Amino acid sequence: MEAFSLINETKKSTNILITITFFLTALIIYFFIRVSLELNHKLAELSLMDELTKIPNRRFFELESSNYWKKAYLEQRSFAIAMLDLDYFKQYNDRYGHQKGDFCLKQVAQVIYKSVGQHQDFVARYGGEEFILLLRNINVTSAEERIKKVLDEIRSLGIPHEGSQISPIVTASSGVCVAIPSEIKVLDHIIAQADQNLYHAKAAGRNCVIVSHWDEKQG
C-alpha cells in the first residue's frame, strides 16, 4: 500500500514537472518569436531609412512611389515628382570638410522632411546631396509653389557657403514633373523628366525650380 502511494506521488510529481517544463518551453518559444519579430521589424525599418539623415532612403521611395502610382492611376489623380539637389555641394565639402558636409545634409534633410510632412507628402534621400519628393494630388502651379517654399526654407537655415558661385549660403535647385497616370509602367519616365528639369534649373543659374507637366508622348 505504501509502495502504491509512493508510485502515485512519483507520478504526480512527474506530471507536475512535465507540465512546468512544457509551460516554460512554450514561454521561451513565445518570447523568442516575439523578439525575432521585433528585431526583423527594426531591421526592416533600418533598411528603409537613410543612416546619415534619418529620413527615408531610395529603396523606401521606390516602394512608396510605386504603391502611390498605382493608386493615382486607379483614381486618376495628379501628383508630382521633384528632384532636389544642393548647389555646389562638392565645393562645400572641399572647403569645410566632409563632417560639416554631413551635418549640412542632416539639417537640410530635416527641413525638407518637416516641410513636406505638413502636406502628407514624401521625401527621401536619393543619393549624395540629392533628394527626391513625392507630392500627392497636386497641379503644376501648386507644385511650383510648394517646392519654392522648400527652397526658401533651405536658404533660411543660413548655412555659410563661401565655395558657392551664386550665394554666400547653402542653396538648392529643383526639377519637378507633374503627371496624371495613364498606365502603370511609366513612373520611371516621370522621374527622368523631373531629373531633366533639375538639369535645366542648374543651367538656368541654380537656386531655382523648373516645373513641367508630363506628356505621355515624352515617355
N, C-alpha and C. Protein backbone atom coordinates (compact mmCIF):
# COMPACT_ATOMS: atom_id res chain seq x y z
N MET A 1 0.83 -1.20 0.00
CA MET A 1 0.00 0.00 0.00
C MET A 1 0.87 1.27 0.00
N GLU A 2 1.89 1.22 0.86
CA GLU A 2 2.82 2.35 0.92
C GLU A 2 3.57 2.50 -0.40
N ALA A 3 3.91 1.35 -0.98
CA ALA A 3 4.62 1.36 -2.26
C ALA A 3 3.73 1.95 -3.35
N PHE A 4 2.43 1.60 -3.31
CA PHE A 4 1.48 2.10 -4.30
C PHE A 4 1.31 3.62 -4.17
N SER A 5 1.24 4.09 -2.90
CA SER A 5 1.12 5.54 -2.66
C SER A 5 2.35 6.27 -3.14
N LEU A 6 3.52 5.65 -2.92
CA LEU A 6 4.78 6.27 -3.36
C LEU A 6 4.83 6.39 -4.88
N ILE A 7 4.31 5.34 -5.55
CA ILE A 7 4.29 5.36 -7.02
C ILE A 7 3.37 6.47 -7.51
N ASN A 8 2.20 6.61 -6.84
CA ASN A 8 1.25 7.67 -7.22
C ASN A 8 1.85 9.06 -7.02
N GLU A 9 2.52 9.24 -5.91
CA GLU A 9 3.16 10.54 -5.64
C GLU A 9 4.24 10.85 -6.67
N THR A 10 4.97 9.78 -7.01
CA THR A 10 6.04 9.95 -8.02
C THR A 10 5.44 10.36 -9.37
N LYS A 11 4.32 9.70 -9.73
CA LYS A 11 3.64 10.03 -10.99
C LYS A 11 3.15 11.47 -10.98
N LYS A 12 2.55 11.87 -9.83
CA LYS A 12 2.06 13.23 -9.71
C LYS A 12 3.19 14.25 -9.87
N SER A 13 4.31 13.95 -9.20
CA SER A 13 5.46 14.85 -9.28
C SER A 13 6.00 14.94 -10.70
N THR A 14 6.01 13.75 -11.36
CA THR A 14 6.50 13.70 -12.74
C THR A 14 5.59 14.50 -13.66
N ASN A 15 4.26 14.35 -13.46
CA ASN A 15 3.30 15.09 -14.28
C ASN A 15 3.42 16.60 -14.07
N ILE A 16 3.62 16.99 -12.80
CA ILE A 16 3.79 18.41 -12.49
C ILE A 16 5.05 18.94 -13.16
N LEU A 17 6.11 18.14 -13.09
CA LEU A 17 7.39 18.54 -13.69
C LEU A 17 7.25 18.67 -15.21
N ILE A 18 6.53 17.72 -15.82
CA ILE A 18 6.31 17.76 -17.26
C ILE A 18 5.51 19.00 -17.64
N THR A 19 4.47 19.29 -16.84
CA THR A 19 3.64 20.47 -17.11
C THR A 19 4.44 21.75 -17.01
N ILE A 20 5.26 21.85 -15.93
CA ILE A 20 6.09 23.03 -15.75
C ILE A 20 7.09 23.18 -16.90
N THR A 21 7.69 22.04 -17.28
CA THR A 21 8.66 22.05 -18.38
C THR A 21 8.01 22.49 -19.68
N PHE A 22 6.81 21.98 -19.94
CA PHE A 22 6.08 22.33 -21.16
C PHE A 22 5.74 23.82 -21.16
N PHE A 23 5.27 24.30 -19.99
CA PHE A 23 4.91 25.71 -19.88
C PHE A 23 6.11 26.62 -20.10
N LEU A 24 7.23 26.28 -19.47
CA LEU A 24 8.45 27.08 -19.61
C LEU A 24 8.95 27.06 -21.05
N THR A 25 8.89 25.88 -21.68
CA THR A 25 9.32 25.76 -23.08
C THR A 25 8.46 26.62 -24.00
N ALA A 26 7.12 26.57 -23.77
CA ALA A 26 6.20 27.38 -24.57
C ALA A 26 6.47 28.86 -24.36
N LEU A 27 6.76 29.24 -23.11
CA LEU A 27 7.04 30.63 -22.78
C LEU A 27 8.31 31.11 -23.47
N ILE A 28 9.33 30.26 -23.45
CA ILE A 28 10.61 30.60 -24.11
C ILE A 28 10.42 30.76 -25.61
N ILE A 29 9.65 29.83 -26.20
CA ILE A 29 9.39 29.90 -27.64
C ILE A 29 8.63 31.17 -27.99
N TYR A 30 7.62 31.51 -27.15
CA TYR A 30 6.82 32.72 -27.38
C TYR A 30 7.69 33.97 -27.37
N PHE A 31 8.54 34.07 -26.34
CA PHE A 31 9.40 35.25 -26.24
C PHE A 31 10.43 35.29 -27.36
N PHE A 32 10.92 34.11 -27.76
CA PHE A 32 11.88 34.03 -28.85
C PHE A 32 11.25 34.53 -30.15
N ILE A 33 10.01 34.08 -30.42
CA ILE A 33 9.31 34.51 -31.63
C ILE A 33 9.03 36.00 -31.59
N ARG A 34 8.60 36.49 -30.41
CA ARG A 34 8.28 37.91 -30.27
C ARG A 34 9.51 38.77 -30.49
N VAL A 35 10.62 38.38 -29.87
CA VAL A 35 11.87 39.14 -30.02
C VAL A 35 12.34 39.09 -31.47
N SER A 36 12.20 37.93 -32.11
CA SER A 36 12.62 37.78 -33.51
C SER A 36 11.79 38.68 -34.43
N LEU A 37 10.47 38.72 -34.17
CA LEU A 37 9.60 39.57 -34.98
C LEU A 37 9.93 41.05 -34.80
N GLU A 38 10.17 41.44 -33.55
CA GLU A 38 10.52 42.84 -33.27
C GLU A 38 11.86 43.20 -33.91
N LEU A 39 12.80 42.27 -33.84
CA LEU A 39 14.11 42.50 -34.43
C LEU A 39 14.00 42.62 -35.95
N ASN A 40 13.21 41.72 -36.55
CA ASN A 40 13.01 41.77 -38.01
C ASN A 40 12.35 43.08 -38.42
N HIS A 41 11.39 43.53 -37.58
CA HIS A 41 10.72 44.80 -37.86
C HIS A 41 11.70 45.96 -37.80
N LYS A 42 12.56 45.95 -36.77
CA LYS A 42 13.57 47.00 -36.62
C LYS A 42 14.54 46.99 -37.79
N LEU A 43 14.96 45.78 -38.19
CA LEU A 43 15.89 45.67 -39.32
C LEU A 43 15.25 46.16 -40.61
N ALA A 44 13.95 45.85 -40.77
CA ALA A 44 13.23 46.31 -41.96
C ALA A 44 13.16 47.83 -41.97
N GLU A 45 12.89 48.42 -40.80
CA GLU A 45 12.84 49.88 -40.70
C GLU A 45 14.19 50.50 -41.04
N LEU A 46 15.25 49.89 -40.49
CA LEU A 46 16.59 50.41 -40.74
C LEU A 46 16.95 50.33 -42.22
N SER A 47 16.50 49.26 -42.89
CA SER A 47 16.84 49.09 -44.30
C SER A 47 16.12 50.09 -45.18
N LEU A 48 15.09 50.77 -44.64
CA LEU A 48 14.33 51.74 -45.41
C LEU A 48 14.67 53.18 -45.04
N MET A 49 15.56 53.37 -44.09
CA MET A 49 15.92 54.71 -43.63
C MET A 49 17.37 55.02 -43.97
N ASP A 50 17.63 56.27 -44.30
CA ASP A 50 18.99 56.72 -44.57
C ASP A 50 19.73 56.88 -43.25
N GLU A 51 20.86 56.23 -43.14
CA GLU A 51 21.60 56.20 -41.87
C GLU A 51 22.06 57.59 -41.44
N LEU A 52 22.47 58.41 -42.39
CA LEU A 52 23.01 59.73 -42.04
C LEU A 52 21.90 60.72 -41.67
N THR A 53 20.93 60.88 -42.53
CA THR A 53 19.93 61.94 -42.37
C THR A 53 18.70 61.52 -41.56
N LYS A 54 18.53 60.21 -41.37
CA LYS A 54 17.38 59.68 -40.61
C LYS A 54 16.04 59.94 -41.29
N ILE A 55 16.06 60.10 -42.61
CA ILE A 55 14.82 60.18 -43.37
C ILE A 55 14.79 58.96 -44.31
N PRO A 56 13.65 58.69 -44.97
CA PRO A 56 13.59 57.54 -45.87
C PRO A 56 14.71 57.54 -46.92
N ASN A 57 15.11 56.34 -47.33
CA ASN A 57 16.15 56.22 -48.35
C ASN A 57 15.53 55.91 -49.71
N ARG A 58 16.37 55.69 -50.68
CA ARG A 58 15.90 55.49 -52.06
C ARG A 58 15.02 54.25 -52.17
N ARG A 59 15.38 53.18 -51.46
CA ARG A 59 14.58 51.95 -51.50
C ARG A 59 13.17 52.21 -50.98
N PHE A 60 13.07 52.97 -49.89
CA PHE A 60 11.77 53.31 -49.32
C PHE A 60 10.95 54.12 -50.34
N PHE A 61 11.62 55.07 -51.00
CA PHE A 61 10.93 55.87 -52.01
C PHE A 61 10.39 55.00 -53.13
N GLU A 62 11.18 54.05 -53.59
CA GLU A 62 10.75 53.18 -54.68
C GLU A 62 9.50 52.40 -54.31
N LEU A 63 9.43 51.93 -53.07
CA LEU A 63 8.25 51.21 -52.61
C LEU A 63 7.04 52.14 -52.49
N GLU A 64 7.26 53.29 -51.86
CA GLU A 64 6.18 54.25 -51.63
C GLU A 64 5.63 54.81 -52.95
N SER A 65 6.52 55.19 -53.85
CA SER A 65 6.09 55.80 -55.11
C SER A 65 5.38 54.78 -56.00
N SER A 66 5.85 53.55 -55.99
CA SER A 66 5.21 52.50 -56.79
C SER A 66 3.79 52.25 -56.31
N ASN A 67 3.61 52.19 -55.01
CA ASN A 67 2.27 51.98 -54.44
C ASN A 67 1.36 53.16 -54.74
N TYR A 68 1.90 54.38 -54.58
CA TYR A 68 1.07 55.55 -54.80
C TYR A 68 0.73 55.71 -56.28
N TRP A 69 1.68 55.38 -57.14
CA TRP A 69 1.44 55.47 -58.59
C TRP A 69 0.24 54.62 -58.99
N LYS A 70 0.17 53.40 -58.46
CA LYS A 70 -0.94 52.51 -58.79
C LYS A 70 -2.27 53.08 -58.28
N LYS A 71 -2.23 53.66 -57.08
CA LYS A 71 -3.44 54.27 -56.51
C LYS A 71 -3.86 55.48 -57.34
N ALA A 72 -2.89 56.32 -57.70
CA ALA A 72 -3.19 57.51 -58.50
C ALA A 72 -3.71 57.11 -59.88
N TYR A 73 -3.20 56.01 -60.40
CA TYR A 73 -3.65 55.52 -61.71
C TYR A 73 -5.12 55.12 -61.65
N LEU A 74 -5.49 54.40 -60.60
CA LEU A 74 -6.87 53.94 -60.46
C LEU A 74 -7.83 55.11 -60.22
N GLU A 75 -7.37 56.11 -59.45
CA GLU A 75 -8.23 57.25 -59.10
C GLU A 75 -8.07 58.43 -60.06
N GLN A 76 -7.12 58.30 -60.98
CA GLN A 76 -6.82 59.37 -61.95
C GLN A 76 -6.54 60.70 -61.25
N ARG A 77 -5.64 60.65 -60.29
CA ARG A 77 -5.23 61.85 -59.56
C ARG A 77 -3.84 62.27 -60.00
N SER A 78 -3.63 63.56 -60.09
CA SER A 78 -2.31 64.06 -60.47
C SER A 78 -1.39 64.06 -59.26
N PHE A 79 -0.12 63.94 -59.53
CA PHE A 79 0.90 64.01 -58.49
C PHE A 79 2.18 64.53 -59.13
N ALA A 80 3.16 64.80 -58.30
CA ALA A 80 4.42 65.34 -58.84
C ALA A 80 5.61 64.62 -58.23
N ILE A 81 6.64 64.49 -59.03
CA ILE A 81 7.96 64.03 -58.56
C ILE A 81 8.90 65.23 -58.65
N ALA A 82 9.59 65.51 -57.56
CA ALA A 82 10.55 66.62 -57.54
C ALA A 82 11.93 66.09 -57.19
N MET A 83 12.91 66.43 -58.00
CA MET A 83 14.30 66.14 -57.70
C MET A 83 14.93 67.42 -57.17
N LEU A 84 15.63 67.30 -56.05
CA LEU A 84 16.23 68.49 -55.42
C LEU A 84 17.69 68.21 -55.10
N ASP A 85 18.54 69.16 -55.48
CA ASP A 85 19.98 68.96 -55.34
C ASP A 85 20.61 70.22 -54.75
N LEU A 86 21.51 70.04 -53.78
CA LEU A 86 22.19 71.19 -53.17
C LEU A 86 23.21 71.76 -54.16
N ASP A 87 23.23 73.07 -54.26
CA ASP A 87 24.11 73.74 -55.23
C ASP A 87 25.57 73.76 -54.75
N TYR A 88 26.47 73.40 -55.65
CA TYR A 88 27.92 73.44 -55.40
C TYR A 88 28.30 72.71 -54.10
N PHE A 89 27.70 71.53 -53.93
CA PHE A 89 27.95 70.82 -52.66
C PHE A 89 29.35 70.19 -52.63
N LYS A 90 29.88 69.83 -53.77
CA LYS A 90 31.26 69.32 -53.81
C LYS A 90 32.21 70.38 -53.28
N GLN A 91 31.98 71.62 -53.72
CA GLN A 91 32.82 72.72 -53.25
C GLN A 91 32.63 72.96 -51.74
N TYR A 92 31.42 72.70 -51.27
CA TYR A 92 31.16 72.84 -49.82
C TYR A 92 32.01 71.83 -49.05
N ASN A 93 32.01 70.59 -49.50
CA ASN A 93 32.82 69.56 -48.85
C ASN A 93 34.31 69.87 -48.94
N ASP A 94 34.72 70.36 -50.10
CA ASP A 94 36.14 70.69 -50.30
C ASP A 94 36.59 71.80 -49.35
N ARG A 95 35.70 72.75 -49.12
CA ARG A 95 36.07 73.91 -48.31
C ARG A 95 35.94 73.65 -46.81
N TYR A 96 34.86 72.98 -46.41
CA TYR A 96 34.56 72.84 -44.98
C TYR A 96 34.83 71.43 -44.43
N GLY A 97 35.04 70.46 -45.32
CA GLY A 97 35.28 69.10 -44.86
C GLY A 97 34.01 68.26 -44.85
N HIS A 98 34.18 66.95 -44.90
CA HIS A 98 33.04 66.05 -45.01
C HIS A 98 32.19 65.98 -43.74
N GLN A 99 32.79 66.21 -42.59
CA GLN A 99 32.00 66.21 -41.36
C GLN A 99 30.96 67.33 -41.36
N LYS A 100 31.41 68.52 -41.74
CA LYS A 100 30.47 69.64 -41.83
C LYS A 100 29.50 69.42 -42.99
N GLY A 101 29.98 68.75 -44.04
CA GLY A 101 29.10 68.42 -45.15
C GLY A 101 27.97 67.50 -44.72
N ASP A 102 28.32 66.51 -43.90
CA ASP A 102 27.31 65.59 -43.38
C ASP A 102 26.31 66.33 -42.48
N PHE A 103 26.82 67.23 -41.66
CA PHE A 103 25.94 67.99 -40.77
C PHE A 103 24.99 68.88 -41.58
N CYS A 104 25.52 69.45 -42.65
CA CYS A 104 24.70 70.27 -43.55
C CYS A 104 23.57 69.42 -44.15
N LEU A 105 23.91 68.23 -44.62
CA LEU A 105 22.90 67.34 -45.20
C LEU A 105 21.81 66.98 -44.18
N LYS A 106 22.22 66.75 -42.93
CA LYS A 106 21.25 66.43 -41.88
C LYS A 106 20.27 67.58 -41.68
N GLN A 107 20.80 68.80 -41.62
CA GLN A 107 19.95 69.97 -41.41
C GLN A 107 18.97 70.16 -42.56
N VAL A 108 19.49 70.06 -43.78
CA VAL A 108 18.64 70.24 -44.95
C VAL A 108 17.58 69.16 -45.02
N ALA A 109 17.99 67.92 -44.76
CA ALA A 109 17.04 66.80 -44.82
C ALA A 109 15.89 67.00 -43.85
N GLN A 110 16.19 67.45 -42.64
CA GLN A 110 15.13 67.64 -41.65
C GLN A 110 14.20 68.79 -42.02
N VAL A 111 14.74 69.84 -42.63
CA VAL A 111 13.92 70.96 -43.09
C VAL A 111 12.94 70.48 -44.17
N ILE A 112 13.45 69.72 -45.13
CA ILE A 112 12.59 69.21 -46.20
C ILE A 112 11.55 68.26 -45.63
N TYR A 113 11.99 67.39 -44.74
CA TYR A 113 11.10 66.38 -44.14
C TYR A 113 9.93 67.05 -43.42
N LYS A 114 10.23 68.08 -42.64
CA LYS A 114 9.17 68.79 -41.91
C LYS A 114 8.25 69.54 -42.86
N SER A 115 8.83 70.12 -43.90
CA SER A 115 8.04 70.90 -44.85
C SER A 115 7.04 70.03 -45.60
N VAL A 116 7.50 68.90 -46.14
CA VAL A 116 6.60 68.04 -46.91
C VAL A 116 5.62 67.31 -46.00
N GLY A 117 6.02 67.10 -44.75
CA GLY A 117 5.14 66.42 -43.80
C GLY A 117 3.87 67.19 -43.52
N GLN A 118 3.92 68.50 -43.67
CA GLN A 118 2.74 69.34 -43.45
C GLN A 118 1.64 69.02 -44.47
N HIS A 119 2.04 68.49 -45.61
CA HIS A 119 1.08 68.19 -46.67
C HIS A 119 0.92 66.68 -46.89
N GLN A 120 1.49 65.88 -45.99
CA GLN A 120 1.46 64.42 -46.10
C GLN A 120 2.13 63.95 -47.40
N ASP A 121 3.15 64.71 -47.82
CA ASP A 121 3.95 64.31 -48.96
C ASP A 121 5.10 63.42 -48.48
N PHE A 122 5.97 63.03 -49.38
CA PHE A 122 7.02 62.07 -49.06
C PHE A 122 8.36 62.56 -49.59
N VAL A 123 9.41 62.39 -48.79
CA VAL A 123 10.76 62.76 -49.23
C VAL A 123 11.73 61.67 -48.85
N ALA A 124 12.73 61.49 -49.70
CA ALA A 124 13.78 60.51 -49.42
C ALA A 124 15.11 61.06 -49.90
N ARG A 125 16.16 60.60 -49.25
CA ARG A 125 17.49 60.92 -49.77
C ARG A 125 17.76 59.97 -50.93
N TYR A 126 18.00 60.55 -52.10
CA TYR A 126 18.13 59.75 -53.32
C TYR A 126 19.57 59.30 -53.55
N GLY A 127 20.49 60.07 -52.98
CA GLY A 127 21.90 59.75 -53.14
C GLY A 127 22.75 61.00 -53.02
N GLY A 128 23.85 60.93 -52.26
CA GLY A 128 24.71 62.09 -52.11
C GLY A 128 23.96 63.28 -51.55
N GLU A 129 24.00 64.40 -52.28
CA GLU A 129 23.29 65.62 -51.86
C GLU A 129 21.96 65.77 -52.58
N GLU A 130 21.45 64.69 -53.13
CA GLU A 130 20.21 64.74 -53.91
C GLU A 130 19.04 64.12 -53.14
N PHE A 131 17.91 64.80 -53.21
CA PHE A 131 16.69 64.34 -52.55
C PHE A 131 15.58 64.21 -53.59
N ILE A 132 14.64 63.32 -53.32
CA ILE A 132 13.50 63.14 -54.22
C ILE A 132 12.22 63.25 -53.41
N LEU A 133 11.23 63.97 -53.96
CA LEU A 133 9.99 64.22 -53.26
C LEU A 133 8.81 63.71 -54.07
N LEU A 134 7.82 63.20 -53.38
CA LEU A 134 6.56 62.77 -53.98
C LEU A 134 5.47 63.68 -53.43
N LEU A 135 4.89 64.51 -54.30
CA LEU A 135 3.83 65.45 -53.90
C LEU A 135 2.49 64.90 -54.37
N ARG A 136 1.59 64.67 -53.43
CA ARG A 136 0.34 63.98 -53.75
C ARG A 136 -0.77 64.95 -54.17
N ASN A 137 -1.56 64.49 -55.16
CA ASN A 137 -2.78 65.19 -55.56
C ASN A 137 -2.54 66.69 -55.77
N ILE A 138 -1.71 67.02 -56.75
CA ILE A 138 -1.24 68.40 -56.90
C ILE A 138 -1.15 68.77 -58.38
N ASN A 139 -1.30 70.06 -58.68
CA ASN A 139 -1.15 70.52 -60.06
C ASN A 139 0.17 71.28 -60.21
N VAL A 140 0.44 71.75 -61.42
CA VAL A 140 1.72 72.39 -61.73
C VAL A 140 1.94 73.63 -60.86
N THR A 141 0.93 74.48 -60.77
CA THR A 141 1.07 75.73 -60.00
C THR A 141 1.36 75.45 -58.53
N SER A 142 0.59 74.56 -57.94
CA SER A 142 0.78 74.25 -56.52
C SER A 142 2.12 73.56 -56.27
N ALA A 143 2.52 72.70 -57.20
CA ALA A 143 3.81 72.02 -57.06
C ALA A 143 4.96 73.02 -57.07
N GLU A 144 4.88 74.00 -57.97
CA GLU A 144 5.93 75.03 -58.04
C GLU A 144 5.97 75.83 -56.74
N GLU A 145 4.80 76.21 -56.25
CA GLU A 145 4.74 76.99 -55.01
C GLU A 145 5.30 76.19 -53.83
N ARG A 146 4.97 74.91 -53.78
CA ARG A 146 5.41 74.09 -52.65
C ARG A 146 6.93 73.90 -52.66
N ILE A 147 7.49 73.67 -53.83
CA ILE A 147 8.94 73.47 -53.91
C ILE A 147 9.68 74.78 -53.68
N LYS A 148 9.13 75.89 -54.17
CA LYS A 148 9.75 77.19 -53.89
C LYS A 148 9.82 77.43 -52.38
N LYS A 149 8.78 77.02 -51.67
CA LYS A 149 8.75 77.17 -50.22
C LYS A 149 9.85 76.32 -49.57
N VAL A 150 10.05 75.11 -50.09
CA VAL A 150 11.12 74.24 -49.58
C VAL A 150 12.48 74.90 -49.79
N LEU A 151 12.69 75.46 -50.99
CA LEU A 151 13.97 76.12 -51.29
C LEU A 151 14.18 77.34 -50.38
N ASP A 152 13.08 78.07 -50.10
CA ASP A 152 13.16 79.21 -49.18
C ASP A 152 13.58 78.75 -47.78
N GLU A 153 13.01 77.63 -47.35
CA GLU A 153 13.31 77.12 -46.00
C GLU A 153 14.76 76.63 -45.90
N ILE A 154 15.28 76.10 -46.99
CA ILE A 154 16.70 75.69 -47.00
C ILE A 154 17.59 76.93 -46.89
N ARG A 155 17.24 77.98 -47.63
CA ARG A 155 18.02 79.23 -47.54
C ARG A 155 17.91 79.85 -46.14
N SER A 156 16.75 79.69 -45.52
CA SER A 156 16.53 80.30 -44.20
C SER A 156 17.41 79.67 -43.13
N LEU A 157 17.98 78.50 -43.42
CA LEU A 157 18.94 77.90 -42.48
C LEU A 157 20.18 78.78 -42.35
N GLY A 158 20.48 79.50 -43.42
CA GLY A 158 21.63 80.42 -43.39
C GLY A 158 22.97 79.73 -43.21
N ILE A 159 23.12 78.55 -43.78
CA ILE A 159 24.38 77.81 -43.65
C ILE A 159 25.43 78.45 -44.56
N PRO A 160 26.52 78.97 -44.01
CA PRO A 160 27.54 79.64 -44.83
C PRO A 160 28.11 78.72 -45.92
N HIS A 161 28.32 79.28 -47.11
CA HIS A 161 28.89 78.51 -48.22
C HIS A 161 29.76 79.44 -49.07
N GLU A 162 30.99 79.62 -48.63
CA GLU A 162 31.91 80.50 -49.34
C GLU A 162 32.39 79.91 -50.66
N GLY A 163 32.15 78.60 -50.84
CA GLY A 163 32.56 77.96 -52.09
C GLY A 163 31.52 78.05 -53.18
N SER A 164 30.34 78.57 -52.86
CA SER A 164 29.28 78.70 -53.86
C SER A 164 29.56 79.87 -54.79
N GLN A 165 29.20 79.69 -56.05
CA GLN A 165 29.39 80.75 -57.04
C GLN A 165 28.17 81.64 -57.19
N ILE A 166 27.10 81.33 -56.43
CA ILE A 166 25.87 82.11 -56.60
C ILE A 166 25.33 82.71 -55.31
N SER A 167 25.83 82.24 -54.15
CA SER A 167 25.25 82.71 -52.89
C SER A 167 26.23 82.48 -51.74
N PRO A 168 26.20 83.34 -50.73
CA PRO A 168 27.07 83.13 -49.56
C PRO A 168 26.55 82.06 -48.61
N ILE A 169 25.36 81.55 -48.90
CA ILE A 169 24.77 80.49 -48.06
C ILE A 169 24.38 79.30 -48.93
N VAL A 170 24.09 78.18 -48.29
CA VAL A 170 23.69 76.96 -49.00
C VAL A 170 22.33 77.17 -49.66
N THR A 171 22.26 76.81 -50.94
CA THR A 171 21.01 76.89 -51.70
C THR A 171 20.77 75.55 -52.39
N ALA A 172 19.62 75.44 -53.03
CA ALA A 172 19.30 74.20 -53.75
C ALA A 172 18.57 74.51 -55.03
N SER A 173 18.64 73.57 -55.96
CA SER A 173 17.90 73.65 -57.22
C SER A 173 16.96 72.46 -57.29
N SER A 174 15.88 72.63 -58.06
CA SER A 174 14.91 71.53 -58.14
C SER A 174 14.28 71.44 -59.52
N GLY A 175 14.01 70.20 -59.92
CA GLY A 175 13.26 69.93 -61.14
C GLY A 175 12.03 69.13 -60.78
N VAL A 176 10.88 69.53 -61.32
CA VAL A 176 9.62 68.91 -60.94
C VAL A 176 8.85 68.48 -62.19
N CYS A 177 8.23 67.32 -62.12
CA CYS A 177 7.35 66.86 -63.18
C CYS A 177 6.01 66.45 -62.57
N VAL A 178 4.94 67.01 -63.10
CA VAL A 178 3.58 66.72 -62.64
C VAL A 178 2.90 65.81 -63.67
N ALA A 179 2.14 64.82 -63.18
CA ALA A 179 1.52 63.88 -64.12
C ALA A 179 0.22 63.31 -63.58
N ILE A 180 -0.66 62.94 -64.51
CA ILE A 180 -1.81 62.11 -64.19
C ILE A 180 -1.54 60.77 -64.85
N PRO A 181 -1.43 59.71 -64.08
CA PRO A 181 -1.06 58.41 -64.66
C PRO A 181 -2.02 57.96 -65.75
N SER A 182 -1.46 57.40 -66.82
CA SER A 182 -2.28 56.87 -67.90
C SER A 182 -2.07 55.37 -68.08
N GLU A 183 -0.99 54.87 -67.50
CA GLU A 183 -0.73 53.43 -67.49
C GLU A 183 0.21 53.15 -66.32
N ILE A 184 0.37 51.88 -65.96
CA ILE A 184 1.08 51.51 -64.74
C ILE A 184 2.60 51.71 -64.86
N LYS A 185 3.18 51.50 -66.02
CA LYS A 185 4.63 51.36 -66.09
C LYS A 185 5.36 52.58 -66.66
N VAL A 186 5.00 53.77 -66.25
CA VAL A 186 5.71 54.94 -66.74
C VAL A 186 6.25 55.82 -65.62
N LEU A 187 6.28 55.34 -64.39
CA LEU A 187 6.78 56.12 -63.27
C LEU A 187 8.22 56.55 -63.50
N ASP A 188 9.02 55.65 -64.07
CA ASP A 188 10.42 55.99 -64.34
C ASP A 188 10.55 57.17 -65.30
N HIS A 189 9.59 57.30 -66.21
CA HIS A 189 9.61 58.42 -67.15
C HIS A 189 9.37 59.75 -66.43
N ILE A 190 8.50 59.71 -65.41
CA ILE A 190 8.22 60.92 -64.63
C ILE A 190 9.47 61.34 -63.86
N ILE A 191 10.13 60.36 -63.27
CA ILE A 191 11.36 60.64 -62.52
C ILE A 191 12.44 61.19 -63.47
N ALA A 192 12.54 60.59 -64.64
CA ALA A 192 13.53 61.04 -65.62
C ALA A 192 13.25 62.47 -66.07
N GLN A 193 11.97 62.82 -66.25
CA GLN A 193 11.62 64.18 -66.66
C GLN A 193 11.92 65.19 -65.54
N ALA A 194 11.64 64.77 -64.29
CA ALA A 194 11.97 65.64 -63.15
C ALA A 194 13.48 65.87 -63.08
N ASP A 195 14.24 64.82 -63.33
CA ASP A 195 15.70 64.93 -63.32
C ASP A 195 16.19 65.84 -64.44
N GLN A 196 15.53 65.75 -65.59
CA GLN A 196 15.88 66.63 -66.71
C GLN A 196 15.57 68.08 -66.37
N ASN A 197 14.46 68.30 -65.68
CA ASN A 197 14.11 69.66 -65.25
C ASN A 197 15.11 70.19 -64.22
N LEU A 198 15.63 69.30 -63.39
CA LEU A 198 16.67 69.70 -62.44
C LEU A 198 17.92 70.17 -63.21
N TYR A 199 18.26 69.46 -64.26
CA TYR A 199 19.39 69.85 -65.11
C TYR A 199 19.16 71.26 -65.69
N HIS A 200 17.92 71.51 -66.14
CA HIS A 200 17.59 72.83 -66.69
C HIS A 200 17.66 73.92 -65.61
N ALA A 201 17.25 73.57 -64.39
CA ALA A 201 17.31 74.54 -63.29
C ALA A 201 18.75 74.93 -63.00
N LYS A 202 19.65 73.96 -63.06
CA LYS A 202 21.07 74.25 -62.84
C LYS A 202 21.63 75.09 -63.99
N ALA A 203 21.20 74.77 -65.21
CA ALA A 203 21.66 75.53 -66.37
C ALA A 203 21.14 76.96 -66.35
N ALA A 204 20.00 77.16 -65.69
CA ALA A 204 19.39 78.49 -65.62
C ALA A 204 19.99 79.35 -64.52
N GLY A 205 20.99 78.82 -63.80
CA GLY A 205 21.67 79.61 -62.78
C GLY A 205 21.58 79.05 -61.37
N ARG A 206 20.85 77.93 -61.21
CA ARG A 206 20.70 77.28 -59.90
C ARG A 206 19.84 78.12 -58.95
N ASN A 207 19.63 77.58 -57.75
CA ASN A 207 18.85 78.28 -56.73
C ASN A 207 17.44 78.61 -57.25
N CYS A 208 16.87 77.67 -58.04
CA CYS A 208 15.54 77.90 -58.61
C CYS A 208 14.87 76.56 -58.89
N VAL A 209 13.64 76.62 -59.37
CA VAL A 209 12.90 75.39 -59.68
C VAL A 209 12.33 75.49 -61.09
N ILE A 210 12.39 74.38 -61.81
CA ILE A 210 11.78 74.27 -63.13
C ILE A 210 10.71 73.19 -63.05
N VAL A 211 9.48 73.53 -63.45
CA VAL A 211 8.36 72.60 -63.35
C VAL A 211 7.73 72.40 -64.72
N SER A 212 7.33 71.17 -65.01
CA SER A 212 6.61 70.90 -66.25
C SER A 212 5.57 69.82 -66.01
N HIS A 213 4.59 69.79 -66.91
CA HIS A 213 3.59 68.71 -66.88
C HIS A 213 4.03 67.64 -67.87
N TRP A 214 4.00 66.40 -67.42
CA TRP A 214 4.48 65.32 -68.27
C TRP A 214 3.44 64.96 -69.31
N ASP A 215 3.92 64.85 -70.54
CA ASP A 215 3.08 64.43 -71.65
C ASP A 215 3.45 62.99 -71.98
N GLU A 216 2.45 62.15 -72.17
CA GLU A 216 2.70 60.73 -72.44
C GLU A 216 3.61 60.53 -73.65
N LYS A 217 3.56 61.46 -74.60
CA LYS A 217 4.39 61.36 -75.78
C LYS A 217 5.88 61.47 -75.44
N GLN A 218 6.18 62.13 -74.28
CA GLN A 218 7.58 62.29 -73.88
C GLN A 218 8.16 60.96 -73.42
N GLY A 219 7.30 60.03 -72.95
CA GLY A 219 7.77 58.75 -72.47
C GLY A 219 8.09 57.82 -73.59
